[in-house]
Structure formats: structure tokens, C-alpha cells
mmCIF file of all heavy atoms, coordinates in Angstrom:
data_MODEL
# 
_entry.id   MODEL 
# 
loop_
_atom_site.group_PDB 
_atom_site.id 
_atom_site.type_symbol 
_atom_site.label_atom_id 
_atom_site.label_alt_id 
_atom_site.label_comp_id 
_atom_site.label_asym_id 
_atom_site.label_entity_id 
_atom_site.label_seq_id 
_atom_site.pdbx_PDB_ins_code 
_atom_site.Cartn_x 
_atom_site.Cartn_y 
_atom_site.Cartn_z 
_atom_site.occupancy 
_atom_site.B_iso_or_equiv 
_atom_site.pdbx_formal_charge 
_atom_site.auth_seq_id 
_atom_site.auth_comp_id 
_atom_site.auth_asym_id 
_atom_site.auth_atom_id 
_atom_site.pdbx_PDB_model_num 
ATOM 1   N N   . ILE A 1 1  ? 5.250  29.317 -3.571  1.00 0.00 ? 1  ILE A N   1 
ATOM 2   C CA  . ILE A 1 1  ? 3.999  28.918 -4.256  1.00 0.00 ? 1  ILE A CA  1 
ATOM 3   C C   . ILE A 1 1  ? 4.344  28.241 -5.587  1.00 0.00 ? 1  ILE A C   1 
ATOM 4   O O   . ILE A 1 1  ? 5.407  28.475 -6.132  1.00 0.00 ? 1  ILE A O   1 
ATOM 5   C CB  . ILE A 1 1  ? 3.075  30.125 -4.543  1.00 0.00 ? 1  ILE A CB  1 
ATOM 6   C CG1 . ILE A 1 1  ? 3.805  31.199 -5.372  1.00 0.00 ? 1  ILE A CG1 1 
ATOM 7   C CG2 . ILE A 1 1  ? 2.633  30.765 -3.225  1.00 0.00 ? 1  ILE A CG2 1 
ATOM 8   C CD1 . ILE A 1 1  ? 2.868  32.325 -5.840  1.00 0.00 ? 1  ILE A CD1 1 
ATOM 9   N N   . ARG A 1 2  ? 3.405  27.453 -6.029  1.00 0.00 ? 2  ARG A N   1 
ATOM 10  C CA  . ARG A 1 2  ? 3.532  26.685 -7.296  1.00 0.00 ? 2  ARG A CA  1 
ATOM 11  C C   . ARG A 1 2  ? 4.815  25.822 -7.219  1.00 0.00 ? 2  ARG A C   1 
ATOM 12  O O   . ARG A 1 2  ? 5.496  25.754 -6.266  1.00 0.00 ? 2  ARG A O   1 
ATOM 13  C CB  . ARG A 1 2  ? 3.503  27.619 -8.505  1.00 0.00 ? 2  ARG A CB  1 
ATOM 14  C CG  . ARG A 1 2  ? 2.184  28.388 -8.560  1.00 0.00 ? 2  ARG A CG  1 
ATOM 15  C CD  . ARG A 1 2  ? 1.837  28.735 -9.994  1.00 0.00 ? 2  ARG A CD  1 
ATOM 16  N NE  . ARG A 1 2  ? 2.773  29.692 -10.552 1.00 0.00 ? 2  ARG A NE  1 
ATOM 17  C CZ  . ARG A 1 2  ? 2.738  31.007 -10.412 1.00 0.00 ? 2  ARG A CZ  1 
ATOM 18  N NH1 . ARG A 1 2  ? 1.761  31.520 -9.601  1.00 0.00 ? 2  ARG A NH1 1 
ATOM 19  N NH2 . ARG A 1 2  ? 3.590  31.806 -10.952 1.00 0.00 ? 2  ARG A NH2 1 
ATOM 20  N N   . SER A 1 3  ? 5.107  25.130 -8.330  1.00 0.00 ? 3  SER A N   1 
ATOM 21  C CA  . SER A 1 3  ? 6.090  24.058 -8.258  1.00 0.00 ? 3  SER A CA  1 
ATOM 22  C C   . SER A 1 3  ? 7.513  24.648 -8.017  1.00 0.00 ? 3  SER A C   1 
ATOM 23  O O   . SER A 1 3  ? 8.209  24.200 -7.094  1.00 0.00 ? 3  SER A O   1 
ATOM 24  C CB  . SER A 1 3  ? 6.098  23.301 -9.592  1.00 0.00 ? 3  SER A CB  1 
ATOM 25  O OG  . SER A 1 3  ? 6.291  24.202 -10.700 1.00 0.00 ? 3  SER A OG  1 
ATOM 26  N N   . THR A 1 4  ? 7.912  25.639 -8.753  1.00 0.00 ? 4  THR A N   1 
ATOM 27  C CA  . THR A 1 4  ? 9.290  26.102 -8.617  1.00 0.00 ? 4  THR A CA  1 
ATOM 28  C C   . THR A 1 4  ? 9.476  26.891 -7.317  1.00 0.00 ? 4  THR A C   1 
ATOM 29  O O   . THR A 1 4  ? 10.536 26.790 -6.650  1.00 0.00 ? 4  THR A O   1 
ATOM 30  C CB  . THR A 1 4  ? 9.702  27.020 -9.812  1.00 0.00 ? 4  THR A CB  1 
ATOM 31  O OG1 . THR A 1 4  ? 8.832  28.162 -9.870  1.00 0.00 ? 4  THR A OG1 1 
ATOM 32  C CG2 . THR A 1 4  ? 9.631  26.255 -11.129 1.00 0.00 ? 4  THR A CG2 1 
ATOM 33  N N   . GLY A 1 5  ? 8.430  27.617 -6.907  1.00 0.00 ? 5  GLY A N   1 
ATOM 34  C CA  . GLY A 1 5  ? 8.517  28.364 -5.633  1.00 0.00 ? 5  GLY A CA  1 
ATOM 35  C C   . GLY A 1 5  ? 8.608  27.436 -4.459  1.00 0.00 ? 5  GLY A C   1 
ATOM 36  O O   . GLY A 1 5  ? 9.271  27.720 -3.463  1.00 0.00 ? 5  GLY A O   1 
ATOM 37  N N   . ARG A 1 6  ? 7.872  26.309 -4.542  1.00 0.00 ? 6  ARG A N   1 
ATOM 38  C CA  . ARG A 1 6  ? 7.919  25.305 -3.419  1.00 0.00 ? 6  ARG A CA  1 
ATOM 39  C C   . ARG A 1 6  ? 9.276  24.576 -3.417  1.00 0.00 ? 6  ARG A C   1 
ATOM 40  O O   . ARG A 1 6  ? 9.767  24.281 -2.354  1.00 0.00 ? 6  ARG A O   1 
ATOM 41  C CB  . ARG A 1 6  ? 6.775  24.353 -3.602  1.00 0.00 ? 6  ARG A CB  1 
ATOM 42  C CG  . ARG A 1 6  ? 5.396  24.891 -3.400  1.00 0.00 ? 6  ARG A CG  1 
ATOM 43  C CD  . ARG A 1 6  ? 5.131  25.292 -1.959  1.00 0.00 ? 6  ARG A CD  1 
ATOM 44  N NE  . ARG A 1 6  ? 5.083  24.147 -1.079  1.00 0.00 ? 6  ARG A NE  1 
ATOM 45  C CZ  . ARG A 1 6  ? 4.046  23.383 -0.882  1.00 0.00 ? 6  ARG A CZ  1 
ATOM 46  N NH1 . ARG A 1 6  ? 2.888  23.662 -1.462  1.00 0.00 ? 6  ARG A NH1 1 
ATOM 47  N NH2 . ARG A 1 6  ? 4.085  22.343 -0.038  1.00 0.00 ? 6  ARG A NH2 1 
ATOM 48  N N   . ILE A 1 7  ? 9.812  24.355 -4.551  1.00 0.00 ? 7  ILE A N   1 
ATOM 49  C CA  . ILE A 1 7  ? 11.175 23.717 -4.630  1.00 0.00 ? 7  ILE A CA  1 
ATOM 50  C C   . ILE A 1 7  ? 12.170 24.601 -3.928  1.00 0.00 ? 7  ILE A C   1 
ATOM 51  O O   . ILE A 1 7  ? 13.049 24.170 -3.112  1.00 0.00 ? 7  ILE A O   1 
ATOM 52  C CB  . ILE A 1 7  ? 11.572 23.482 -6.081  1.00 0.00 ? 7  ILE A CB  1 
ATOM 53  C CG1 . ILE A 1 7  ? 10.758 22.294 -6.679  1.00 0.00 ? 7  ILE A CG1 1 
ATOM 54  C CG2 . ILE A 1 7  ? 13.090 23.142 -6.175  1.00 0.00 ? 7  ILE A CG2 1 
ATOM 55  C CD1 . ILE A 1 7  ? 10.925 22.118 -8.156  1.00 0.00 ? 7  ILE A CD1 1 
ATOM 56  N N   . CYS A 1 8  ? 12.098 25.933 -4.188  1.00 0.00 ? 8  CYS A N   1 
ATOM 57  C CA  . CYS A 1 8  ? 13.008 26.892 -3.533  1.00 0.00 ? 8  CYS A CA  1 
ATOM 58  C C   . CYS A 1 8  ? 12.880 26.837 -2.024  1.00 0.00 ? 8  CYS A C   1 
ATOM 59  O O   . CYS A 1 8  ? 13.860 26.802 -1.289  1.00 0.00 ? 8  CYS A O   1 
ATOM 60  C CB  . CYS A 1 8  ? 12.713 28.294 -4.036  1.00 0.00 ? 8  CYS A CB  1 
ATOM 61  S SG  . CYS A 1 8  ? 13.188 28.605 -5.702  1.00 0.00 ? 8  CYS A SG  1 
ATOM 62  N N   . THR A 1 9  ? 11.633 26.846 -1.485  1.00 0.00 ? 9  THR A N   1 
ATOM 63  C CA  . THR A 1 9  ? 11.494 26.872 -0.042  1.00 0.00 ? 9  THR A CA  1 
ATOM 64  C C   . THR A 1 9  ? 11.816 25.531 0.573   1.00 0.00 ? 9  THR A C   1 
ATOM 65  O O   . THR A 1 9  ? 12.285 25.504 1.720   1.00 0.00 ? 9  THR A O   1 
ATOM 66  C CB  . THR A 1 9  ? 10.015 27.331 0.344   1.00 0.00 ? 9  THR A CB  1 
ATOM 67  O OG1 . THR A 1 9  ? 9.073  26.568 -0.443  1.00 0.00 ? 9  THR A OG1 1 
ATOM 68  C CG2 . THR A 1 9  ? 9.833  28.789 0.075   1.00 0.00 ? 9  THR A CG2 1 
ATOM 69  N N   . ASP A 1 10 ? 11.611 24.445 -0.167  1.00 0.00 ? 10 ASP A N   1 
ATOM 70  C CA  . ASP A 1 10 ? 12.044 23.116 0.367   1.00 0.00 ? 10 ASP A CA  1 
ATOM 71  C C   . ASP A 1 10 ? 13.546 23.107 0.546   1.00 0.00 ? 10 ASP A C   1 
ATOM 72  O O   . ASP A 1 10 ? 14.076 22.601 1.556   1.00 0.00 ? 10 ASP A O   1 
ATOM 73  C CB  . ASP A 1 10 ? 11.574 22.013 -0.555  1.00 0.00 ? 10 ASP A CB  1 
ATOM 74  C CG  . ASP A 1 10 ? 10.103 21.709 -0.507  1.00 0.00 ? 10 ASP A CG  1 
ATOM 75  O OD1 . ASP A 1 10 ? 9.459  22.231 0.412   1.00 0.00 ? 10 ASP A OD1 1 
ATOM 76  O OD2 . ASP A 1 10 ? 9.585  20.973 -1.408  1.00 0.00 ? 10 ASP A OD2 1 
ATOM 77  N N   . ILE A 1 11 ? 14.250 23.631 -0.444  1.00 0.00 ? 11 ILE A N   1 
ATOM 78  C CA  . ILE A 1 11 ? 15.706 23.721 -0.363  1.00 0.00 ? 11 ILE A CA  1 
ATOM 79  C C   . ILE A 1 11 ? 16.132 24.613 0.826   1.00 0.00 ? 11 ILE A C   1 
ATOM 80  O O   . ILE A 1 11 ? 17.014 24.259 1.591   1.00 0.00 ? 11 ILE A O   1 
ATOM 81  C CB  . ILE A 1 11 ? 16.331 24.241 -1.653  1.00 0.00 ? 11 ILE A CB  1 
ATOM 82  C CG1 . ILE A 1 11 ? 16.145 23.197 -2.775  1.00 0.00 ? 11 ILE A CG1 1 
ATOM 83  C CG2 . ILE A 1 11 ? 17.838 24.555 -1.502  1.00 0.00 ? 11 ILE A CG2 1 
ATOM 84  C CD1 . ILE A 1 11 ? 16.506 23.657 -4.175  1.00 0.00 ? 11 ILE A CD1 1 
ATOM 85  N N   . ALA A 1 12 ? 15.464 25.780 0.950   1.00 0.00 ? 12 ALA A N   1 
ATOM 86  C CA  . ALA A 1 12 ? 15.762 26.647 2.044   1.00 0.00 ? 12 ALA A CA  1 
ATOM 87  C C   . ALA A 1 12 ? 15.508 26.026 3.407   1.00 0.00 ? 12 ALA A C   1 
ATOM 88  O O   . ALA A 1 12 ? 16.324 26.185 4.368   1.00 0.00 ? 12 ALA A O   1 
ATOM 89  C CB  . ALA A 1 12 ? 14.913 27.939 1.888   1.00 0.00 ? 12 ALA A CB  1 
ATOM 90  N N   . ASP A 1 13 ? 14.448 25.248 3.556   1.00 0.00 ? 13 ASP A N   1 
ATOM 91  C CA  . ASP A 1 13 ? 14.170 24.590 4.794   1.00 0.00 ? 13 ASP A CA  1 
ATOM 92  C C   . ASP A 1 13 ? 15.273 23.552 5.152   1.00 0.00 ? 13 ASP A C   1 
ATOM 93  O O   . ASP A 1 13 ? 15.705 23.476 6.303   1.00 0.00 ? 13 ASP A O   1 
ATOM 94  C CB  . ASP A 1 13 ? 12.817 23.830 4.728   1.00 0.00 ? 13 ASP A CB  1 
ATOM 95  C CG  . ASP A 1 13 ? 11.615 24.766 4.835   1.00 0.00 ? 13 ASP A CG  1 
ATOM 96  O OD1 . ASP A 1 13 ? 11.814 25.944 5.262   1.00 0.00 ? 13 ASP A OD1 1 
ATOM 97  O OD2 . ASP A 1 13 ? 10.538 24.376 4.410   1.00 0.00 ? 13 ASP A OD2 1 
ATOM 98  N N   . ILE A 1 14 ? 15.715 22.844 4.174   1.00 0.00 ? 14 ILE A N   1 
ATOM 99  C CA  . ILE A 1 14 ? 16.817 21.841 4.405   1.00 0.00 ? 14 ILE A CA  1 
ATOM 100 C C   . ILE A 1 14 ? 18.113 22.567 4.791   1.00 0.00 ? 14 ILE A C   1 
ATOM 101 O O   . ILE A 1 14 ? 18.863 22.143 5.671   1.00 0.00 ? 14 ILE A O   1 
ATOM 102 C CB  . ILE A 1 14 ? 16.995 20.988 3.175   1.00 0.00 ? 14 ILE A CB  1 
ATOM 103 C CG1 . ILE A 1 14 ? 15.842 20.031 2.928   1.00 0.00 ? 14 ILE A CG1 1 
ATOM 104 C CG2 . ILE A 1 14 ? 18.295 20.143 3.301   1.00 0.00 ? 14 ILE A CG2 1 
ATOM 105 C CD1 . ILE A 1 14 ? 15.616 19.030 4.037   1.00 0.00 ? 14 ILE A CD1 1 
ATOM 106 N N   . LEU A 1 15 ? 18.432 23.640 4.058   1.00 0.00 ? 15 LEU A N   1 
ATOM 107 C CA  . LEU A 1 15 ? 19.627 24.399 4.386   1.00 0.00 ? 15 LEU A CA  1 
ATOM 108 C C   . LEU A 1 15 ? 19.602 24.927 5.793   1.00 0.00 ? 15 LEU A C   1 
ATOM 109 O O   . LEU A 1 15 ? 20.577 24.822 6.531   1.00 0.00 ? 15 LEU A O   1 
ATOM 110 C CB  . LEU A 1 15 ? 19.835 25.558 3.351   1.00 0.00 ? 15 LEU A CB  1 
ATOM 111 C CG  . LEU A 1 15 ? 20.275 25.171 2.000   1.00 0.00 ? 15 LEU A CG  1 
ATOM 112 C CD1 . LEU A 1 15 ? 20.113 26.338 1.025   1.00 0.00 ? 15 LEU A CD1 1 
ATOM 113 C CD2 . LEU A 1 15 ? 21.714 24.701 1.993   1.00 0.00 ? 15 LEU A CD2 1 
ATOM 114 N N   . THR A 1 16 ? 18.453 25.504 6.201   1.00 0.00 ? 16 THR A N   1 
ATOM 115 C CA  . THR A 1 16 ? 18.296 26.102 7.522   1.00 0.00 ? 16 THR A CA  1 
ATOM 116 C C   . THR A 1 16 ? 18.377 24.984 8.562   1.00 0.00 ? 16 THR A C   1 
ATOM 117 O O   . THR A 1 16 ? 19.053 25.209 9.644   1.00 0.00 ? 16 THR A O   1 
ATOM 118 C CB  . THR A 1 16 ? 16.955 26.771 7.654   1.00 0.00 ? 16 THR A CB  1 
ATOM 119 O OG1 . THR A 1 16 ? 16.876 27.839 6.627   1.00 0.00 ? 16 THR A OG1 1 
ATOM 120 C CG2 . THR A 1 16 ? 16.817 27.437 9.012   1.00 0.00 ? 16 THR A CG2 1 
ATOM 121 N N   . ALA A 1 17 ? 17.762 23.878 8.315   1.00 0.00 ? 17 ALA A N   1 
ATOM 122 C CA  . ALA A 1 17 ? 17.886 22.700 9.285   1.00 0.00 ? 17 ALA A CA  1 
ATOM 123 C C   . ALA A 1 17 ? 19.283 22.278 9.485   1.00 0.00 ? 17 ALA A C   1 
ATOM 124 O O   . ALA A 1 17 ? 19.646 21.736 10.533  1.00 0.00 ? 17 ALA A O   1 
ATOM 125 C CB  . ALA A 1 17 ? 16.982 21.588 8.793   1.00 0.00 ? 17 ALA A CB  1 
ATOM 126 N N   . ASN A 1 18 ? 20.168 22.433 8.498   1.00 0.00 ? 18 ASN A N   1 
ATOM 127 C CA  . ASN A 1 18 ? 21.565 22.114 8.588   1.00 0.00 ? 18 ASN A CA  1 
ATOM 128 C C   . ASN A 1 18 ? 22.486 23.269 8.920   1.00 0.00 ? 18 ASN A C   1 
ATOM 129 O O   . ASN A 1 18 ? 23.672 23.291 8.613   1.00 0.00 ? 18 ASN A O   1 
ATOM 130 C CB  . ASN A 1 18 ? 22.008 21.438 7.293   1.00 0.00 ? 18 ASN A CB  1 
ATOM 131 C CG  . ASN A 1 18 ? 21.465 20.005 7.171   1.00 0.00 ? 18 ASN A CG  1 
ATOM 132 O OD1 . ASN A 1 18 ? 22.068 19.062 7.666   1.00 0.00 ? 18 ASN A OD1 1 
ATOM 133 N ND2 . ASN A 1 18 ? 20.324 19.868 6.515   1.00 0.00 ? 18 ASN A ND2 1 
ATOM 134 N N   . ARG A 1 19 ? 21.874 24.352 9.513   1.00 0.00 ? 19 ARG A N   1 
ATOM 135 C CA  . ARG A 1 19 ? 22.588 25.479 10.036  1.00 0.00 ? 19 ARG A CA  1 
ATOM 136 C C   . ARG A 1 19 ? 23.270 26.342 8.957   1.00 0.00 ? 19 ARG A C   1 
ATOM 137 O O   . ARG A 1 19 ? 24.264 26.940 9.223   1.00 0.00 ? 19 ARG A O   1 
ATOM 138 C CB  . ARG A 1 19 ? 23.607 25.026 11.108  1.00 0.00 ? 19 ARG A CB  1 
ATOM 139 C CG  . ARG A 1 19 ? 22.915 24.358 12.299  1.00 0.00 ? 19 ARG A CG  1 
ATOM 140 C CD  . ARG A 1 19 ? 23.939 24.036 13.361  1.00 0.00 ? 19 ARG A CD  1 
ATOM 141 N NE  . ARG A 1 19 ? 23.258 23.373 14.530  1.00 0.00 ? 19 ARG A NE  1 
ATOM 142 C CZ  . ARG A 1 19 ? 23.919 22.961 15.608  1.00 0.00 ? 19 ARG A CZ  1 
ATOM 143 N NH1 . ARG A 1 19 ? 25.262 23.164 15.707  1.00 0.00 ? 19 ARG A NH1 1 
ATOM 144 N NH2 . ARG A 1 19 ? 23.264 22.397 16.598  1.00 0.00 ? 19 ARG A NH2 1 
ATOM 145 N N   . HIS A 1 20 ? 22.687 26.332 7.816   1.00 0.00 ? 20 HIS A N   1 
ATOM 146 C CA  . HIS A 1 20 ? 23.161 27.282 6.781   1.00 0.00 ? 20 HIS A CA  1 
ATOM 147 C C   . HIS A 1 20 ? 22.176 28.449 6.668   1.00 0.00 ? 20 HIS A C   1 
ATOM 148 O O   . HIS A 1 20 ? 21.062 28.388 7.248   1.00 0.00 ? 20 HIS A O   1 
ATOM 149 C CB  . HIS A 1 20 ? 23.252 26.577 5.391   1.00 0.00 ? 20 HIS A CB  1 
ATOM 150 C CG  . HIS A 1 20 ? 24.223 25.421 5.418   1.00 0.00 ? 20 HIS A CG  1 
ATOM 151 N ND1 . HIS A 1 20 ? 25.577 25.562 5.565   1.00 0.00 ? 20 HIS A ND1 1 
ATOM 152 C CD2 . HIS A 1 20 ? 23.982 24.071 5.291   1.00 0.00 ? 20 HIS A CD2 1 
ATOM 153 C CE1 . HIS A 1 20 ? 26.165 24.390 5.533   1.00 0.00 ? 20 HIS A CE1 1 
ATOM 154 N NE2 . HIS A 1 20 ? 25.217 23.474 5.358   1.00 0.00 ? 20 HIS A NE2 1 
ATOM 155 N N   . ASP A 1 21 ? 22.544 29.482 5.957   1.00 0.00 ? 21 ASP A N   1 
ATOM 156 C CA  . ASP A 1 21 ? 21.681 30.626 5.766   1.00 0.00 ? 21 ASP A CA  1 
ATOM 157 C C   . ASP A 1 21 ? 21.215 30.679 4.313   1.00 0.00 ? 21 ASP A C   1 
ATOM 158 O O   . ASP A 1 21 ? 22.018 30.408 3.386   1.00 0.00 ? 21 ASP A O   1 
ATOM 159 C CB  . ASP A 1 21 ? 22.400 31.932 6.100   1.00 0.00 ? 21 ASP A CB  1 
ATOM 160 C CG  . ASP A 1 21 ? 21.471 33.086 6.178   1.00 0.00 ? 21 ASP A CG  1 
ATOM 161 O OD1 . ASP A 1 21 ? 20.746 33.225 7.149   1.00 0.00 ? 21 ASP A OD1 1 
ATOM 162 O OD2 . ASP A 1 21 ? 21.427 33.919 5.217   1.00 0.00 ? 21 ASP A OD2 1 
ATOM 163 N N   . CYS A 1 22 ? 19.964 31.015 4.085   1.00 0.00 ? 22 CYS A N   1 
ATOM 164 C CA  . CYS A 1 22 ? 19.400 31.043 2.745   1.00 0.00 ? 22 CYS A CA  1 
ATOM 165 C C   . CYS A 1 22 ? 18.454 32.226 2.574   1.00 0.00 ? 22 CYS A C   1 
ATOM 166 O O   . CYS A 1 22 ? 17.639 32.489 3.446   1.00 0.00 ? 22 CYS A O   1 
ATOM 167 C CB  . CYS A 1 22 ? 18.681 29.735 2.400   1.00 0.00 ? 22 CYS A CB  1 
ATOM 168 S SG  . CYS A 1 22 ? 18.063 29.619 0.724   1.00 0.00 ? 22 CYS A SG  1 
ATOM 169 N N   . LYS A 1 23 ? 18.572 32.835 1.441   1.00 0.00 ? 23 LYS A N   1 
ATOM 170 C CA  . LYS A 1 23 ? 17.647 33.874 1.007   1.00 0.00 ? 23 LYS A CA  1 
ATOM 171 C C   . LYS A 1 23 ? 17.079 33.484 -0.393  1.00 0.00 ? 23 LYS A C   1 
ATOM 172 O O   . LYS A 1 23 ? 17.799 32.865 -1.216  1.00 0.00 ? 23 LYS A O   1 
ATOM 173 C CB  . LYS A 1 23 ? 18.293 35.244 0.895   1.00 0.00 ? 23 LYS A CB  1 
ATOM 174 C CG  . LYS A 1 23 ? 18.781 35.798 2.251   1.00 0.00 ? 23 LYS A CG  1 
ATOM 175 C CD  . LYS A 1 23 ? 17.657 36.060 3.214   1.00 0.00 ? 23 LYS A CD  1 
ATOM 176 C CE  . LYS A 1 23 ? 18.133 36.644 4.521   1.00 0.00 ? 23 LYS A CE  1 
ATOM 177 N NZ  . LYS A 1 23 ? 17.020 36.769 5.528   1.00 0.00 ? 23 LYS A NZ  1 
ATOM 178 N N   . ILE A 1 24 ? 15.793 33.849 -0.607  1.00 0.00 ? 24 ILE A N   1 
ATOM 179 C CA  . ILE A 1 24 ? 15.208 33.572 -1.946  1.00 0.00 ? 24 ILE A CA  1 
ATOM 180 C C   . ILE A 1 24 ? 14.757 34.901 -2.507  1.00 0.00 ? 24 ILE A C   1 
ATOM 181 O O   . ILE A 1 24 ? 13.834 35.547 -2.011  1.00 0.00 ? 24 ILE A O   1 
ATOM 182 C CB  . ILE A 1 24 ? 13.987 32.621 -1.788  1.00 0.00 ? 24 ILE A CB  1 
ATOM 183 C CG1 . ILE A 1 24 ? 14.407 31.290 -1.136  1.00 0.00 ? 24 ILE A CG1 1 
ATOM 184 C CG2 . ILE A 1 24 ? 13.354 32.378 -3.164  1.00 0.00 ? 24 ILE A CG2 1 
ATOM 185 C CD1 . ILE A 1 24 ? 13.218 30.389 -0.825  1.00 0.00 ? 24 ILE A CD1 1 
ATOM 186 N N   . ALA A 1 25 ? 15.430 35.309 -3.566  1.00 0.00 ? 25 ALA A N   1 
ATOM 187 C CA  . ALA A 1 25 ? 15.057 36.548 -4.253  1.00 0.00 ? 25 ALA A CA  1 
ATOM 188 C C   . ALA A 1 25 ? 14.012 36.149 -5.293  1.00 0.00 ? 25 ALA A C   1 
ATOM 189 O O   . ALA A 1 25 ? 14.224 35.252 -6.089  1.00 0.00 ? 25 ALA A O   1 
ATOM 190 C CB  . ALA A 1 25 ? 16.277 37.153 -4.928  1.00 0.00 ? 25 ALA A CB  1 
ATOM 191 N N   . TYR A 1 26 ? 12.879 36.868 -5.301  1.00 0.00 ? 26 TYR A N   1 
ATOM 192 C CA  . TYR A 1 26 ? 11.790 36.497 -6.171  1.00 0.00 ? 26 TYR A CA  1 
ATOM 193 C C   . TYR A 1 26 ? 11.256 37.777 -6.840  1.00 0.00 ? 26 TYR A C   1 
ATOM 194 O O   . TYR A 1 26 ? 11.519 38.907 -6.357  1.00 0.00 ? 26 TYR A O   1 
ATOM 195 C CB  . TYR A 1 26 ? 10.640 35.789 -5.388  1.00 0.00 ? 26 TYR A CB  1 
ATOM 196 C CG  . TYR A 1 26 ? 9.886  36.728 -4.485  1.00 0.00 ? 26 TYR A CG  1 
ATOM 197 C CD1 . TYR A 1 26 ? 8.602  37.130 -4.839  1.00 0.00 ? 26 TYR A CD1 1 
ATOM 198 C CD2 . TYR A 1 26 ? 10.386 37.142 -3.271  1.00 0.00 ? 26 TYR A CD2 1 
ATOM 199 C CE1 . TYR A 1 26 ? 7.854  37.999 -4.029  1.00 0.00 ? 26 TYR A CE1 1 
ATOM 200 C CE2 . TYR A 1 26 ? 9.687  37.956 -2.434  1.00 0.00 ? 26 TYR A CE2 1 
ATOM 201 C CZ  . TYR A 1 26 ? 8.407  38.421 -2.821  1.00 0.00 ? 26 TYR A CZ  1 
ATOM 202 O OH  . TYR A 1 26 ? 7.711  39.260 -2.007  1.00 0.00 ? 26 TYR A OH  1 
ATOM 203 N N   . GLY A 1 27 ? 10.465 37.593 -7.898  1.00 0.00 ? 27 GLY A N   1 
ATOM 204 C CA  . GLY A 1 27 ? 10.055 38.761 -8.657  1.00 0.00 ? 27 GLY A CA  1 
ATOM 205 C C   . GLY A 1 27 ? 8.554  39.126 -8.610  1.00 0.00 ? 27 GLY A C   1 
ATOM 206 O O   . GLY A 1 27 ? 8.211  40.249 -8.920  1.00 0.00 ? 27 GLY A O   1 
ATOM 207 N N   . ARG A 1 28 ? 7.700  38.136 -8.265  1.00 0.00 ? 28 ARG A N   1 
ATOM 208 C CA  . ARG A 1 28 ? 6.330  38.456 -8.430  1.00 0.00 ? 28 ARG A CA  1 
ATOM 209 C C   . ARG A 1 28 ? 5.423  37.647 -7.534  1.00 0.00 ? 28 ARG A C   1 
ATOM 210 O O   . ARG A 1 28 ? 5.867  36.660 -6.927  1.00 0.00 ? 28 ARG A O   1 
ATOM 211 C CB  . ARG A 1 28 ? 5.904  38.170 -9.900  1.00 0.00 ? 28 ARG A CB  1 
ATOM 212 C CG  . ARG A 1 28 ? 6.297  36.790 -10.406 1.00 0.00 ? 28 ARG A CG  1 
ATOM 213 C CD  . ARG A 1 28 ? 6.215  36.710 -11.914 1.00 0.00 ? 28 ARG A CD  1 
ATOM 214 N NE  . ARG A 1 28 ? 4.895  36.991 -12.375 1.00 0.00 ? 28 ARG A NE  1 
ATOM 215 C CZ  . ARG A 1 28 ? 4.590  37.507 -13.572 1.00 0.00 ? 28 ARG A CZ  1 
ATOM 216 N NH1 . ARG A 1 28 ? 5.554  37.724 -14.423 1.00 0.00 ? 28 ARG A NH1 1 
ATOM 217 N NH2 . ARG A 1 28 ? 3.381  37.744 -13.941 1.00 0.00 ? 28 ARG A NH2 1 
ATOM 218 N N   . GLU A 1 29 ? 4.167  38.098 -7.375  1.00 0.00 ? 29 GLU A N   1 
ATOM 219 C CA  . GLU A 1 29 ? 3.155  37.472 -6.570  1.00 0.00 ? 29 GLU A CA  1 
ATOM 220 C C   . GLU A 1 29 ? 3.520  37.510 -5.052  1.00 0.00 ? 29 GLU A C   1 
ATOM 221 O O   . GLU A 1 29 ? 4.492  38.040 -4.664  1.00 0.00 ? 29 GLU A O   1 
ATOM 222 C CB  . GLU A 1 29 ? 2.813  36.060 -7.065  1.00 0.00 ? 29 GLU A CB  1 
ATOM 223 C CG  . GLU A 1 29 ? 2.371  36.101 -8.567  1.00 0.00 ? 29 GLU A CG  1 
ATOM 224 C CD  . GLU A 1 29 ? 1.801  34.794 -9.066  1.00 0.00 ? 29 GLU A CD  1 
ATOM 225 O OE1 . GLU A 1 29 ? 0.940  34.221 -8.366  1.00 0.00 ? 29 GLU A OE1 1 
ATOM 226 O OE2 . GLU A 1 29 ? 2.243  34.367 -10.117 1.00 0.00 ? 29 GLU A OE2 1 
# 
């Protein structure tokens, strides 16, 4: 969500599409 949260998930989607593994540790909401 919001700008930085969407940047994180966009990066995760690209990594996953290229057969890498990604986790996003977050703190709120």
C-alpha cells in the first residue's frame, strides 16, 4: 500500500517472475 509499499511489492513481483524468492518484512497497517 501507498508509494513505498507498492515499490516493495513491484520489486517482489519482478524477483518472483525471475525465479528468485522474496519476503517483505513490514511493521504496520
